[in-house]
């Protein structure tokens, strides 16, 4: 990939990719690291295509996998800390893009559900591309997305009911 192609690709994909990663990892500074590492990996390996949609899917796949690897590492460290008497689990904060009420509900979803919903409804990926990014089958994406939407809807209804009671 030549420099001008990369710059164009970077300028077009950086903000949506960073927003997506911020949502799934819930930590803006960690998201910055993941996004930077993703672009470095794109530069280090030659892409076999110039198709912009395919390149975008590739960068999202790389970033998602880096996030998963970091999450697994954190969980391992957290288990070790808990088993050694340090009851201080990792905490993260994110205040980018969603209202605080929606952000609170969105954070209650697991990482895969957040990824599915973000990729489908914010970034507009189709089921095939989401499957490639998250390394799951296209038919599974449909089912998991349906379940994630349902879970989010229930959570939003419950929160709305709780707000009515407190008012």
C-alpha atoms as a PDB file:
ATOM      1  CA  UNK A   1       0.000   0.000   0.000  1.00  0.00           C
ATOM      2  CA  UNK A   2       1.518   3.319  -0.984  1.00  0.00           C
ATOM      3  CA  UNK A   3       1.559   6.342   1.303  1.00  0.00           C
ATOM      4  CA  UNK A   4      -1.277   8.269  -0.344  1.00  0.00           C
ATOM      5  CA  UNK A   5      -3.558   5.206  -0.368  1.00  0.00           C
ATOM      6  CA  UNK A   6      -2.816   4.604   3.308  1.00  0.00           C
ATOM      7  CA  UNK A   7      -3.481   8.248   4.233  1.00  0.00           C
ATOM      8  CA  UNK A   8      -6.820   8.178   2.440  1.00  0.00           C
ATOM      9  CA  UNK A   9      -7.727   4.860   4.078  1.00  0.00           C
ATOM     10  CA  UNK A  10      -6.657   6.119   7.511  1.00  0.00           C
ATOM     11  CA  UNK A  11      -8.580   9.396   7.193  1.00  0.00           C
ATOM     12  CA  UNK A  12     -11.730   7.565   6.139  1.00  0.00           C
ATOM     13  CA  UNK A  13     -11.606   4.799   8.768  1.00  0.00           C
ATOM     14  CA  UNK A  14      -9.899   6.210  11.873  1.00  0.00           C
ATOM     15  CA  UNK A  15     -12.864   7.896  13.606  1.00  0.00           C
ATOM     16  CA  UNK A  16     -15.414   5.093  13.086  1.00  0.00           C
ATOM     17  CA  UNK A  17     -12.847   2.453  14.097  1.00  0.00           C
ATOM     18  CA  UNK A  18     -11.870   4.347  17.238  1.00  0.00           C
ATOM     19  CA  UNK A  19     -15.519   4.867  18.205  1.00  0.00           C
ATOM     20  CA  UNK A  20     -16.195   1.163  17.757  1.00  0.00           C
ATOM     21  CA  UNK A  21     -13.184   0.117  19.821  1.00  0.00           C
ATOM     22  CA  UNK A  22     -14.020   2.675  22.544  1.00  0.00           C
ATOM     23  CA  UNK A  23     -17.469   1.130  22.819  1.00  0.00           C
ATOM     24  CA  UNK A  24     -16.296  -2.445  23.105  1.00  0.00           C
ATOM     25  CA  UNK A  25     -13.299  -1.942  25.395  1.00  0.00           C
ATOM     26  CA  UNK A  26     -14.797   0.985  27.401  1.00  0.00           C
ATOM     27  CA  UNK A  27     -11.456   2.765  27.744  1.00  0.00           C
ATOM     28  CA  UNK A  28     -10.496   5.619  25.381  1.00  0.00           C
ATOM     29  CA  UNK A  29      -6.749   5.483  26.018  1.00  0.00           C
ATOM     30  CA  UNK A  30      -6.686   1.714  25.538  1.00  0.00           C
ATOM     31  CA  UNK A  31      -8.769   2.170  22.392  1.00  0.00           C
ATOM     32  CA  UNK A  32      -6.131   4.569  21.055  1.00  0.00           C
ATOM     33  CA  UNK A  33      -3.453   1.925  21.611  1.00  0.00           C
ATOM     34  CA  UNK A  34      -5.524  -0.759  19.901  1.00  0.00           C
ATOM     35  CA  UNK A  35      -6.289   1.448  16.906  1.00  0.00           C
ATOM     36  CA  UNK A  36      -2.660   2.460  16.521  1.00  0.00           C
ATOM     37  CA  UNK A  37      -1.499  -1.156  16.707  1.00  0.00           C
ATOM     38  CA  UNK A  38      -4.142  -2.113  14.126  1.00  0.00           C
ATOM     39  CA  UNK A  39      -2.876   0.415  11.598  1.00  0.00           C
ATOM     40  CA  UNK A  40       0.708  -0.656  12.247  1.00  0.00           C
ATOM     41  CA  UNK A  41      -0.229  -4.244  11.484  1.00  0.00           C
ATOM     42  CA  UNK A  42      -1.926  -3.148   8.242  1.00  0.00           C
ATOM     43  CA  UNK A  43       1.279  -1.396   7.224  1.00  0.00           C
ATOM     44  CA  UNK A  44       3.440  -4.390   8.141  1.00  0.00           C
ATOM     45  CA  UNK A  45       1.574  -6.885   6.031  1.00  0.00           C
ATOM     46  CA  UNK A  46       0.791  -6.308   2.386  1.00  0.00           C
ATOM     47  CA  UNK A  47      -2.915  -6.384   1.605  1.00  0.00           C
ATOM     48  CA  UNK A  48      -3.944  -8.487  -1.350  1.00  0.00           C
ATOM     49  CA  UNK A  49      -6.735  -6.125  -2.313  1.00  0.00           C
ATOM     50  CA  UNK A  50      -7.426  -2.484  -3.064  1.00  0.00           C
ATOM     51  CA  UNK A  51     -11.149  -2.877  -2.375  1.00  0.00           C
ATOM     52  CA  UNK A  52     -11.950  -0.222   0.235  1.00  0.00           C
ATOM     53  CA  UNK A  53     -14.760  -2.227   1.863  1.00  0.00           C
ATOM     54  CA  UNK A  54     -12.535  -5.276   2.231  1.00  0.00           C
ATOM     55  CA  UNK A  55      -9.713  -3.153   3.644  1.00  0.00           C
ATOM     56  CA  UNK A  56     -12.107  -1.643   6.186  1.00  0.00           C
ATOM     57  CA  UNK A  57     -13.299  -5.100   7.201  1.00  0.00           C
ATOM     58  CA  UNK A  58      -9.677  -6.161   7.629  1.00  0.00           C
ATOM     59  CA  UNK A  59      -8.793  -3.239   9.925  1.00  0.00           C
ATOM     60  CA  UNK A  60     -11.903  -3.877  12.055  1.00  0.00           C
ATOM     61  CA  UNK A  61     -11.004  -7.569  12.269  1.00  0.00           C
ATOM     62  CA  UNK A  62      -7.474  -6.778  13.378  1.00  0.00           C
ATOM     63  CA  UNK A  63      -8.657  -4.256  15.991  1.00  0.00           C
ATOM     64  CA  UNK A  64     -11.322  -6.623  17.332  1.00  0.00           C
ATOM     65  CA  UNK A  65      -8.822  -9.443  17.734  1.00  0.00           C
ATOM     66  CA  UNK A  66      -6.299  -7.184  19.451  1.00  0.00           C
ATOM     67  CA  UNK A  67      -9.056  -6.121  21.863  1.00  0.00           C
ATOM     68  CA  UNK A  68     -10.013  -9.737  22.551  1.00  0.00           C
ATOM     69  CA  UNK A  69      -6.384 -10.638  23.255  1.00  0.00           C
ATOM     70  CA  UNK A  70      -6.060  -7.705  25.665  1.00  0.00           C
ATOM     71  CA  UNK A  71      -9.331  -8.619  27.374  1.00  0.00           C
ATOM     72  CA  UNK A  72      -8.147 -12.210  27.872  1.00  0.00           C
ATOM     73  CA  UNK A  73      -4.856 -10.958  29.300  1.00  0.00           C
ATOM     74  CA  UNK A  74      -6.721  -8.644  31.705  1.00  0.00           C
ATOM     75  CA  UNK A  75      -8.981 -11.465  32.856  1.00  0.00           C
ATOM     76  CA  UNK A  76      -5.985 -13.701  33.526  1.00  0.00           C
ATOM     77  CA  UNK A  77      -4.273 -10.952  35.532  1.00  0.00           C
ATOM     78  CA  UNK A  78      -7.506 -10.174  37.377  1.00  0.00           C
ATOM     79  CA  UNK A  79      -7.983 -13.836  38.348  1.00  0.00           C
ATOM     80  CA  UNK A  80      -4.409 -13.943  39.578  1.00  0.00           C
ATOM     81  CA  UNK A  81      -4.900 -10.750  41.616  1.00  0.00           C
ATOM     82  CA  UNK A  82      -8.142 -12.041  43.145  1.00  0.00           C
ATOM     83  CA  UNK A  83      -6.549 -15.386  44.023  1.00  0.00           C
ATOM     84  CA  UNK A  84      -3.712 -13.525  45.768  1.00  0.00           C
ATOM     85  CA  UNK A  85      -6.033 -11.510  47.998  1.00  0.00           C
ATOM     86  CA  UNK A  86      -6.154  -8.286  46.011  1.00  0.00           C
ATOM     87  CA  UNK A  87      -9.851  -7.595  45.489  1.00  0.00           C
ATOM     88  CA  UNK A  88      -9.285  -4.757  43.041  1.00  0.00           C
ATOM     89  CA  UNK A  89     -10.718  -5.667  39.648  1.00  0.00           C
ATOM     90  CA  UNK A  90      -9.874  -3.509  36.661  1.00  0.00           C
ATOM     91  CA  UNK A  91     -12.220  -0.594  36.032  1.00  0.00           C
ATOM     92  CA  UNK A  92     -12.675   1.396  32.870  1.00  0.00           C
ATOM     93  CA  UNK A  93     -14.515   4.576  31.979  1.00  0.00           C
ATOM     94  CA  UNK A  94     -15.782   5.877  28.689  1.00  0.00           C
ATOM     95  CA  UNK A  95     -17.704   9.054  28.051  1.00  0.00           C
ATOM     96  CA  UNK A  96     -17.568   9.316  24.268  1.00  0.00           C
ATOM     97  CA  UNK A  97     -20.637   9.526  22.087  1.00  0.00           C
ATOM     98  CA  UNK A  98     -23.585   8.148  24.065  1.00  0.00           C
ATOM     99  CA  UNK A  99     -25.801   9.852  26.598  1.00  0.00           C
ATOM    100  CA  UNK A 100     -24.981   8.743  30.113  1.00  0.00           C
ATOM    101  CA  UNK A 101     -28.236   6.755  30.448  1.00  0.00           C
ATOM    102  CA  UNK A 102     -27.657   4.918  27.185  1.00  0.00           C
ATOM    103  CA  UNK A 103     -23.988   4.439  28.033  1.00  0.00           C
ATOM    104  CA  UNK A 104     -24.891   2.804  31.354  1.00  0.00           C
ATOM    105  CA  UNK A 105     -27.246   0.372  29.646  1.00  0.00           C
ATOM    106  CA  UNK A 106     -24.813  -0.306  26.793  1.00  0.00           C
ATOM    107  CA  UNK A 107     -22.030  -1.124  29.277  1.00  0.00           C
ATOM    108  CA  UNK A 108     -24.202  -3.811  30.871  1.00  0.00           C
ATOM    109  CA  UNK A 109     -24.073  -5.773  27.622  1.00  0.00           C
ATOM    110  CA  UNK A 110     -21.188  -8.170  27.190  1.00  0.00           C
ATOM    111  CA  UNK A 111     -18.362  -7.331  24.794  1.00  0.00           C
ATOM    112  CA  UNK A 112     -19.678  -9.504  21.966  1.00  0.00           C
ATOM    113  CA  UNK A 113     -23.155  -7.953  22.185  1.00  0.00           C
ATOM    114  CA  UNK A 114     -21.681  -4.438  22.175  1.00  0.00           C
ATOM    115  CA  UNK A 115     -19.531  -5.354  19.166  1.00  0.00           C
ATOM    116  CA  UNK A 116     -22.451  -6.822  17.236  1.00  0.00           C
ATOM    117  CA  UNK A 117     -24.739  -3.865  17.860  1.00  0.00           C
ATOM    118  CA  UNK A 118     -22.057  -1.290  17.139  1.00  0.00           C
ATOM    119  CA  UNK A 119     -20.896  -2.900  13.913  1.00  0.00           C
ATOM    120  CA  UNK A 120     -24.454  -3.401  12.647  1.00  0.00           C
ATOM    121  CA  UNK A 121     -26.140  -0.153  13.631  1.00  0.00           C
ATOM    122  CA  UNK A 122     -23.402   2.430  14.007  1.00  0.00           C
ATOM    123  CA  UNK A 123     -20.935   1.338  11.340  1.00  0.00           C
ATOM    124  CA  UNK A 124     -23.566  -0.294   9.114  1.00  0.00           C
ATOM    125  CA  UNK A 125     -21.799  -3.570   8.386  1.00  0.00           C
ATOM    126  CA  UNK A 126     -23.766  -6.430   6.877  1.00  0.00           C
ATOM    127  CA  UNK A 127     -23.961  -9.846   8.550  1.00  0.00           C
ATOM    128  CA  UNK A 128     -21.208 -11.334   6.382  1.00  0.00           C
ATOM    129  CA  UNK A 129     -18.724  -8.580   7.263  1.00  0.00           C
ATOM    130  CA  UNK A 130     -19.621  -8.717  10.971  1.00  0.00           C
ATOM    131  CA  UNK A 131     -19.004 -12.463  10.880  1.00  0.00           C
ATOM    132  CA  UNK A 132     -15.580 -11.904   9.344  1.00  0.00           C
ATOM    133  CA  UNK A 133     -14.659  -9.214  11.861  1.00  0.00           C
ATOM    134  CA  UNK A 134     -15.798 -11.192  14.907  1.00  0.00           C
ATOM    135  CA  UNK A 135     -14.783 -14.574  13.497  1.00  0.00           C
ATOM    136  CA  UNK A 136     -18.259 -16.100  13.690  1.00  0.00           C
ATOM    137  CA  UNK A 137     -20.544 -17.605  11.039  1.00  0.00           C
ATOM    138  CA  UNK A 138     -22.895 -15.303   9.142  1.00  0.00           C
ATOM    139  CA  UNK A 139     -25.987 -17.224  10.300  1.00  0.00           C
ATOM    140  CA  UNK A 140     -24.783 -16.973  13.893  1.00  0.00           C
ATOM    141  CA  UNK A 141     -24.486 -13.199  13.477  1.00  0.00           C
ATOM    142  CA  UNK A 142     -28.195 -13.008  12.662  1.00  0.00           C
ATOM    143  CA  UNK A 143     -29.169 -14.964  15.760  1.00  0.00           C
ATOM    144  CA  UNK A 144     -26.730 -13.214  18.094  1.00  0.00           C
ATOM    145  CA  UNK A 145     -27.722  -9.792  16.795  1.00  0.00           C
ATOM    146  CA  UNK A 146     -31.405 -10.626  17.299  1.00  0.00           C
ATOM    147  CA  UNK A 147     -30.686 -11.678  20.893  1.00  0.00           C
ATOM    148  CA  UNK A 148     -28.517  -8.622  21.585  1.00  0.00           C
ATOM    149  CA  UNK A 149     -31.249  -6.287  20.286  1.00  0.00           C
ATOM    150  CA  UNK A 150     -33.804  -8.037  22.462  1.00  0.00           C
ATOM    151  CA  UNK A 151     -31.601  -7.840  25.535  1.00  0.00           C
ATOM    152  CA  UNK A 152     -30.882  -4.145  24.932  1.00  0.00           C
ATOM    153  CA  UNK A 153     -34.592  -3.435  24.434  1.00  0.00           C
ATOM    154  CA  UNK A 154     -35.479  -5.182  27.723  1.00  0.00           C
ATOM    155  CA  UNK A 155     -32.775  -3.262  29.553  1.00  0.00           C
ATOM    156  CA  UNK A 156     -33.960   0.049  28.121  1.00  0.00           C
ATOM    157  CA  UNK A 157     -37.586  -0.702  29.039  1.00  0.00           C
ATOM    158  CA  UNK A 158     -36.535  -1.655  32.562  1.00  0.00           C
ATOM    159  CA  UNK A 159     -34.499   1.536  32.927  1.00  0.00           C
ATOM    160  CA  UNK A 160     -37.406   3.619  31.581  1.00  0.00           C
ATOM    161  CA  UNK A 161     -39.748   2.008  34.131  1.00  0.00           C
ATOM    162  CA  UNK A 162     -37.268   2.660  36.940  1.00  0.00           C
ATOM    163  CA  UNK A 163     -36.998   6.307  35.913  1.00  0.00           C
ATOM    164  CA  UNK A 164     -40.793   6.714  35.951  1.00  0.00           C
ATOM    165  CA  UNK A 165     -40.943   5.255  39.454  1.00  0.00           C
ATOM    166  CA  UNK A 166     -38.283   7.636  40.802  1.00  0.00           C
ATOM    167  CA  UNK A 167     -39.890  10.715  39.228  1.00  0.00           C
END
